[in-house]
Amino acid sequence: MGSPSGEPRVFPELPYRHEPDAVAWLARAFGLDPAVQIPGPDGKLLHAEMRHGDSTVMLNLGDAQASQDGFTQAISVRVDDPDALFARATKEGAVVVQAPATTHYGARSCWLRDPESFLWGLTTYRPKV
């Protein structure tokens, strides 16, 4: 699972209720760079990516997992074949939160809980660098 320098493969995801305020606060408080801000269909901020060096923190608002599963944080792992890793993980007992599907932004993604109930996302999505 190697990757070119500066391209994150594992990144935390945090669902914020008031994402524009969170982006501003994280920039002021921790010096994170608001590298990407994507509005939803209604024009409100839907997704942001905050950078610190070659690391990324994803901020999501209205994400399917947040609204259906009530998660407060998750780890996403960029992989070439989420379907294959999903099959492997479920065979090992991972609990399915969302089966692999292609998102509206073109990534193939799924969500699973490990034996300690931590939420893991497997995705082909590439955070912006």
N, C-alpha and C. Protein backbone atom coordinates (compact mmCIF):
# COMPACT_ATOMS: atom_id res chain seq x y z
N MET A 1 0.82 -1.19 0.00
CA MET A 1 0.00 0.00 0.00
C MET A 1 0.86 1.25 0.00
N GLY A 2 1.99 1.24 -0.65
CA GLY A 2 2.82 2.43 -0.72
C GLY A 2 2.18 3.52 -1.56
N SER A 3 2.63 4.75 -1.36
CA SER A 3 2.11 5.86 -2.14
C SER A 3 3.20 6.89 -2.35
N PRO A 4 3.07 7.71 -3.40
CA PRO A 4 4.05 8.76 -3.63
C PRO A 4 4.11 9.69 -2.42
N SER A 5 5.26 10.29 -2.19
CA SER A 5 5.43 11.20 -1.07
C SER A 5 4.38 12.32 -1.10
N GLY A 6 3.82 12.61 0.05
CA GLY A 6 2.87 13.69 0.16
C GLY A 6 1.43 13.32 -0.15
N GLU A 7 1.18 12.08 -0.55
CA GLU A 7 -0.18 11.66 -0.88
C GLU A 7 -0.72 10.79 0.24
N PRO A 8 -1.66 11.33 1.05
CA PRO A 8 -2.14 10.56 2.21
C PRO A 8 -2.90 9.30 1.81
N ARG A 9 -2.66 8.25 2.56
CA ARG A 9 -3.37 6.98 2.37
C ARG A 9 -4.31 6.69 3.52
N VAL A 10 -4.01 7.22 4.71
CA VAL A 10 -4.84 7.03 5.89
C VAL A 10 -5.13 8.43 6.43
N PHE A 11 -6.41 8.72 6.65
CA PHE A 11 -6.76 10.06 7.11
C PHE A 11 -8.00 10.01 7.99
N PRO A 12 -8.00 10.84 9.05
CA PRO A 12 -9.18 10.90 9.92
C PRO A 12 -10.31 11.67 9.25
N GLU A 13 -11.53 11.31 9.58
CA GLU A 13 -12.72 12.03 9.12
C GLU A 13 -13.52 12.45 10.33
N LEU A 14 -13.93 13.71 10.34
CA LEU A 14 -14.70 14.25 11.45
C LEU A 14 -15.96 14.91 10.91
N PRO A 15 -17.13 14.47 11.38
CA PRO A 15 -18.36 15.14 10.94
C PRO A 15 -18.67 16.31 11.87
N TYR A 16 -18.71 17.50 11.31
CA TYR A 16 -19.05 18.69 12.10
C TYR A 16 -20.45 19.14 11.75
N ARG A 17 -21.20 19.59 12.75
CA ARG A 17 -22.54 20.12 12.51
C ARG A 17 -22.49 21.46 11.82
N HIS A 18 -21.48 22.26 12.16
CA HIS A 18 -21.34 23.61 11.60
C HIS A 18 -19.98 23.70 10.94
N GLU A 19 -19.88 23.08 9.77
CA GLU A 19 -18.59 22.94 9.12
C GLU A 19 -17.88 24.25 8.81
N PRO A 20 -18.55 25.30 8.32
CA PRO A 20 -17.82 26.55 8.06
C PRO A 20 -17.15 27.11 9.32
N ASP A 21 -17.85 27.02 10.45
CA ASP A 21 -17.26 27.46 11.71
C ASP A 21 -16.08 26.58 12.10
N ALA A 22 -16.20 25.28 11.86
CA ALA A 22 -15.13 24.35 12.20
C ALA A 22 -13.89 24.63 11.36
N VAL A 23 -14.07 24.88 10.07
CA VAL A 23 -12.94 25.18 9.18
C VAL A 23 -12.20 26.41 9.70
N ALA A 24 -12.94 27.46 10.01
CA ALA A 24 -12.33 28.70 10.50
C ALA A 24 -11.62 28.47 11.83
N TRP A 25 -12.26 27.73 12.74
CA TRP A 25 -11.67 27.49 14.05
C TRP A 25 -10.40 26.65 13.94
N LEU A 26 -10.43 25.58 13.15
CA LEU A 26 -9.25 24.72 13.00
C LEU A 26 -8.08 25.48 12.37
N ALA A 27 -8.39 26.40 11.47
CA ALA A 27 -7.34 27.23 10.87
C ALA A 27 -6.73 28.15 11.93
N ARG A 28 -7.59 28.80 12.72
CA ARG A 28 -7.10 29.73 13.76
C ARG A 28 -6.38 28.99 14.88
N ALA A 29 -7.00 27.92 15.38
CA ALA A 29 -6.49 27.25 16.57
C ALA A 29 -5.26 26.39 16.31
N PHE A 30 -5.27 25.65 15.21
CA PHE A 30 -4.20 24.69 14.95
C PHE A 30 -3.36 25.02 13.73
N GLY A 31 -3.72 26.08 13.02
CA GLY A 31 -2.96 26.45 11.83
C GLY A 31 -3.16 25.52 10.65
N LEU A 32 -4.26 24.76 10.66
CA LEU A 32 -4.54 23.89 9.52
C LEU A 32 -4.95 24.73 8.31
N ASP A 33 -4.51 24.32 7.15
CA ASP A 33 -4.80 25.04 5.91
C ASP A 33 -6.08 24.49 5.30
N PRO A 34 -7.10 25.34 5.10
CA PRO A 34 -8.33 24.86 4.44
C PRO A 34 -8.10 24.69 2.95
N ALA A 35 -7.52 23.54 2.58
CA ALA A 35 -7.07 23.31 1.20
C ALA A 35 -8.21 23.08 0.22
N VAL A 36 -9.29 22.43 0.66
CA VAL A 36 -10.41 22.11 -0.24
C VAL A 36 -11.71 22.41 0.49
N GLN A 37 -12.63 23.08 -0.19
CA GLN A 37 -13.97 23.31 0.36
C GLN A 37 -14.96 23.06 -0.77
N ILE A 38 -15.85 22.09 -0.56
CA ILE A 38 -16.80 21.68 -1.60
C ILE A 38 -18.22 21.94 -1.11
N PRO A 39 -18.96 22.78 -1.86
CA PRO A 39 -20.35 23.03 -1.47
C PRO A 39 -21.26 21.90 -1.93
N GLY A 40 -22.36 21.73 -1.22
CA GLY A 40 -23.38 20.78 -1.62
C GLY A 40 -24.32 21.43 -2.62
N PRO A 41 -25.36 20.72 -3.06
CA PRO A 41 -26.31 21.23 -4.04
C PRO A 41 -27.00 22.52 -3.59
N ASP A 42 -27.13 22.69 -2.26
CA ASP A 42 -27.80 23.89 -1.74
C ASP A 42 -26.83 25.06 -1.56
N GLY A 43 -25.55 24.87 -1.91
CA GLY A 43 -24.56 25.93 -1.78
C GLY A 43 -23.87 25.97 -0.44
N LYS A 44 -24.39 25.24 0.55
CA LYS A 44 -23.75 25.19 1.86
C LYS A 44 -22.57 24.24 1.82
N LEU A 45 -21.58 24.51 2.67
CA LEU A 45 -20.39 23.69 2.72
C LEU A 45 -20.75 22.25 3.09
N LEU A 46 -20.32 21.30 2.27
CA LEU A 46 -20.63 19.89 2.47
C LEU A 46 -19.39 19.11 2.91
N HIS A 47 -18.22 19.50 2.39
CA HIS A 47 -17.00 18.74 2.62
C HIS A 47 -15.82 19.71 2.58
N ALA A 48 -14.86 19.48 3.47
CA ALA A 48 -13.63 20.27 3.46
C ALA A 48 -12.46 19.35 3.78
N GLU A 49 -11.31 19.73 3.28
CA GLU A 49 -10.08 19.02 3.59
C GLU A 49 -9.11 20.04 4.15
N MET A 50 -8.64 19.77 5.36
CA MET A 50 -7.70 20.63 6.04
C MET A 50 -6.33 19.97 5.97
N ARG A 51 -5.29 20.75 5.66
CA ARG A 51 -3.95 20.18 5.51
C ARG A 51 -3.00 20.72 6.57
N HIS A 52 -2.09 19.86 6.97
CA HIS A 52 -0.96 20.23 7.82
C HIS A 52 0.23 19.46 7.25
N GLY A 53 1.08 20.16 6.53
CA GLY A 53 2.18 19.48 5.83
C GLY A 53 1.60 18.51 4.82
N ASP A 54 2.01 17.24 4.88
CA ASP A 54 1.47 16.26 3.94
C ASP A 54 0.36 15.42 4.56
N SER A 55 -0.22 15.91 5.67
CA SER A 55 -1.32 15.21 6.33
C SER A 55 -2.65 15.90 6.02
N THR A 56 -3.71 15.12 6.03
CA THR A 56 -5.05 15.62 5.72
C THR A 56 -6.02 15.21 6.81
N VAL A 57 -6.92 16.14 7.16
CA VAL A 57 -8.07 15.84 8.01
C VAL A 57 -9.30 16.17 7.17
N MET A 58 -10.21 15.21 7.05
CA MET A 58 -11.43 15.41 6.28
C MET A 58 -12.54 15.86 7.21
N LEU A 59 -13.31 16.86 6.78
CA LEU A 59 -14.48 17.32 7.52
C LEU A 59 -15.69 17.05 6.64
N ASN A 60 -16.69 16.41 7.21
CA ASN A 60 -17.88 16.07 6.44
C ASN A 60 -19.12 16.55 7.15
N LEU A 61 -20.06 17.02 6.38
CA LEU A 61 -21.34 17.46 6.91
C LEU A 61 -22.42 16.77 6.12
N GLY A 62 -23.36 16.14 6.80
CA GLY A 62 -24.45 15.47 6.10
C GLY A 62 -24.04 14.18 5.44
N ASP A 63 -22.90 13.63 5.83
CA ASP A 63 -22.43 12.37 5.28
C ASP A 63 -23.40 11.26 5.67
N ALA A 64 -23.56 10.27 4.80
CA ALA A 64 -24.49 9.16 5.07
C ALA A 64 -24.15 8.47 6.39
N GLN A 65 -22.87 8.27 6.68
CA GLN A 65 -22.50 7.59 7.91
C GLN A 65 -22.86 8.43 9.12
N ALA A 66 -22.69 9.74 9.03
CA ALA A 66 -22.99 10.61 10.17
C ALA A 66 -24.48 10.58 10.48
N SER A 67 -25.29 10.64 9.45
CA SER A 67 -26.72 10.71 9.68
C SER A 67 -27.32 9.36 10.05
N GLN A 68 -26.78 8.26 9.53
CA GLN A 68 -27.36 6.95 9.79
C GLN A 68 -26.71 6.23 10.96
N ASP A 69 -25.42 6.46 11.17
CA ASP A 69 -24.70 5.67 12.16
C ASP A 69 -24.31 6.47 13.39
N GLY A 70 -24.43 7.80 13.33
CA GLY A 70 -24.10 8.62 14.47
C GLY A 70 -22.63 8.64 14.83
N PHE A 71 -21.72 8.46 13.87
CA PHE A 71 -20.30 8.43 14.22
C PHE A 71 -19.79 9.82 14.56
N THR A 72 -18.77 9.87 15.42
CA THR A 72 -18.15 11.13 15.78
C THR A 72 -16.75 11.25 15.19
N GLN A 73 -16.18 10.15 14.75
CA GLN A 73 -14.91 10.16 14.05
C GLN A 73 -14.73 8.83 13.35
N ALA A 74 -13.89 8.83 12.34
CA ALA A 74 -13.63 7.60 11.60
C ALA A 74 -12.24 7.70 11.00
N ILE A 75 -11.73 6.57 10.61
CA ILE A 75 -10.47 6.51 9.88
C ILE A 75 -10.80 6.01 8.48
N SER A 76 -10.32 6.72 7.49
CA SER A 76 -10.48 6.27 6.10
C SER A 76 -9.13 5.83 5.57
N VAL A 77 -9.16 4.79 4.76
CA VAL A 77 -7.95 4.25 4.16
C VAL A 77 -8.17 4.20 2.66
N ARG A 78 -7.28 4.89 1.93
CA ARG A 78 -7.37 4.85 0.47
C ARG A 78 -6.71 3.57 -0.02
N VAL A 79 -7.49 2.80 -0.75
CA VAL A 79 -7.02 1.52 -1.30
C VAL A 79 -7.41 1.44 -2.77
N ASP A 80 -6.73 0.59 -3.49
CA ASP A 80 -7.03 0.43 -4.91
C ASP A 80 -8.32 -0.33 -5.15
N ASP A 81 -8.64 -1.29 -4.26
CA ASP A 81 -9.81 -2.14 -4.46
C ASP A 81 -10.61 -2.29 -3.17
N PRO A 82 -11.49 -1.30 -2.85
CA PRO A 82 -12.26 -1.40 -1.61
C PRO A 82 -13.13 -2.65 -1.53
N ASP A 83 -13.63 -3.11 -2.67
CA ASP A 83 -14.50 -4.29 -2.67
C ASP A 83 -13.75 -5.52 -2.17
N ALA A 84 -12.52 -5.70 -2.62
CA ALA A 84 -11.74 -6.86 -2.19
C ALA A 84 -11.41 -6.79 -0.71
N LEU A 85 -11.01 -5.61 -0.24
CA LEU A 85 -10.69 -5.47 1.18
C LEU A 85 -11.95 -5.58 2.05
N PHE A 86 -13.08 -5.08 1.54
CA PHE A 86 -14.37 -5.24 2.22
C PHE A 86 -14.68 -6.72 2.41
N ALA A 87 -14.52 -7.52 1.36
CA ALA A 87 -14.78 -8.96 1.44
C ALA A 87 -13.86 -9.62 2.47
N ARG A 88 -12.60 -9.25 2.45
CA ARG A 88 -11.63 -9.81 3.39
C ARG A 88 -12.01 -9.44 4.83
N ALA A 89 -12.33 -8.16 5.06
CA ALA A 89 -12.65 -7.70 6.41
C ALA A 89 -13.94 -8.32 6.94
N THR A 90 -14.97 -8.44 6.09
CA THR A 90 -16.22 -9.04 6.56
C THR A 90 -16.02 -10.53 6.85
N LYS A 91 -15.16 -11.18 6.10
CA LYS A 91 -14.85 -12.59 6.37
C LYS A 91 -14.20 -12.73 7.74
N GLU A 92 -13.47 -11.68 8.17
CA GLU A 92 -12.81 -11.69 9.47
C GLU A 92 -13.71 -11.15 10.58
N GLY A 93 -14.98 -10.85 10.25
CA GLY A 93 -15.93 -10.46 11.28
C GLY A 93 -16.26 -8.97 11.36
N ALA A 94 -15.75 -8.16 10.45
CA ALA A 94 -16.11 -6.74 10.46
C ALA A 94 -17.61 -6.59 10.26
N VAL A 95 -18.20 -5.61 10.94
CA VAL A 95 -19.63 -5.35 10.84
C VAL A 95 -19.86 -4.32 9.73
N VAL A 96 -20.75 -4.66 8.82
CA VAL A 96 -21.03 -3.78 7.68
C VAL A 96 -21.89 -2.60 8.12
N VAL A 97 -21.41 -1.40 7.84
CA VAL A 97 -22.19 -0.18 8.04
C VAL A 97 -22.75 0.26 6.70
N GLN A 98 -21.90 0.23 5.68
CA GLN A 98 -22.33 0.55 4.31
C GLN A 98 -21.52 -0.29 3.34
N ALA A 99 -22.18 -1.08 2.53
CA ALA A 99 -21.51 -1.92 1.55
C ALA A 99 -20.84 -1.04 0.48
N PRO A 100 -19.88 -1.58 -0.26
CA PRO A 100 -19.23 -0.78 -1.29
C PRO A 100 -20.23 -0.21 -2.29
N ALA A 101 -20.03 1.07 -2.59
CA ALA A 101 -20.88 1.77 -3.54
C ALA A 101 -20.05 2.90 -4.14
N THR A 102 -20.45 3.33 -5.32
CA THR A 102 -19.79 4.46 -5.95
C THR A 102 -20.50 5.74 -5.51
N THR A 103 -19.73 6.68 -4.97
CA THR A 103 -20.28 7.93 -4.44
C THR A 103 -20.63 8.89 -5.57
N HIS A 104 -21.36 9.96 -5.22
CA HIS A 104 -21.71 10.97 -6.21
C HIS A 104 -20.48 11.70 -6.74
N TYR A 105 -19.34 11.63 -6.03
CA TYR A 105 -18.12 12.29 -6.48
C TYR A 105 -17.16 11.30 -7.14
N GLY A 106 -17.64 10.08 -7.41
CA GLY A 106 -16.89 9.13 -8.23
C GLY A 106 -15.98 8.17 -7.51
N ALA A 107 -15.90 8.23 -6.19
CA ALA A 107 -15.05 7.29 -5.45
C ALA A 107 -15.83 6.03 -5.12
N ARG A 108 -15.14 4.95 -5.02
CA ARG A 108 -15.74 3.69 -4.56
C ARG A 108 -15.44 3.61 -3.07
N SER A 109 -16.46 3.48 -2.23
CA SER A 109 -16.27 3.54 -0.79
C SER A 109 -17.20 2.58 -0.06
N CYS A 110 -16.78 2.19 1.16
CA CYS A 110 -17.62 1.41 2.05
C CYS A 110 -17.21 1.73 3.48
N TRP A 111 -18.06 1.32 4.43
CA TRP A 111 -17.81 1.58 5.84
C TRP A 111 -18.04 0.31 6.65
N LEU A 112 -17.12 0.06 7.60
CA LEU A 112 -17.16 -1.13 8.45
C LEU A 112 -16.82 -0.77 9.89
N ARG A 113 -17.29 -1.59 10.82
CA ARG A 113 -16.87 -1.46 12.22
C ARG A 113 -16.00 -2.66 12.57
N ASP A 114 -14.91 -2.37 13.28
CA ASP A 114 -14.02 -3.45 13.71
C ASP A 114 -14.56 -4.07 15.01
N PRO A 115 -13.91 -5.10 15.56
CA PRO A 115 -14.42 -5.76 16.76
C PRO A 115 -14.59 -4.85 17.97
N GLU A 116 -13.91 -3.71 18.01
CA GLU A 116 -14.04 -2.76 19.11
C GLU A 116 -15.01 -1.62 18.76
N SER A 117 -15.71 -1.75 17.64
CA SER A 117 -16.72 -0.80 17.15
C SER A 117 -16.16 0.49 16.56
N PHE A 118 -14.86 0.54 16.25
CA PHE A 118 -14.32 1.70 15.55
C PHE A 118 -14.77 1.66 14.10
N LEU A 119 -15.04 2.83 13.54
CA LEU A 119 -15.54 2.95 12.18
C LEU A 119 -14.38 3.14 11.20
N TRP A 120 -14.35 2.30 10.17
CA TRP A 120 -13.32 2.34 9.14
C TRP A 120 -13.97 2.54 7.78
N GLY A 121 -13.43 3.45 7.01
CA GLY A 121 -13.86 3.65 5.63
C GLY A 121 -12.77 3.16 4.70
N LEU A 122 -13.17 2.43 3.69
CA LEU A 122 -12.25 2.00 2.63
C LEU A 122 -12.68 2.72 1.37
N THR A 123 -11.77 3.40 0.72
CA THR A 123 -12.17 4.27 -0.38
C THR A 123 -11.09 4.41 -1.44
N THR A 124 -11.51 4.72 -2.63
CA THR A 124 -10.57 5.06 -3.69
C THR A 124 -10.35 6.57 -3.75
N TYR A 125 -11.06 7.32 -2.89
CA TYR A 125 -10.94 8.79 -2.91
C TYR A 125 -9.51 9.23 -2.59
N ARG A 126 -9.02 10.19 -3.35
CA ARG A 126 -7.68 10.74 -3.13
C ARG A 126 -7.83 12.16 -2.60
N PRO A 127 -7.44 12.40 -1.32
CA PRO A 127 -7.46 13.78 -0.84
C PRO A 127 -6.56 14.65 -1.74
N LYS A 128 -6.94 15.89 -1.88
CA LYS A 128 -6.17 16.80 -2.72
C LYS A 128 -4.82 17.07 -2.07
N VAL A 129 -3.78 17.15 -2.90
CA VAL A 129 -2.45 17.48 -2.40
C VAL A 129 -1.98 18.77 -3.02
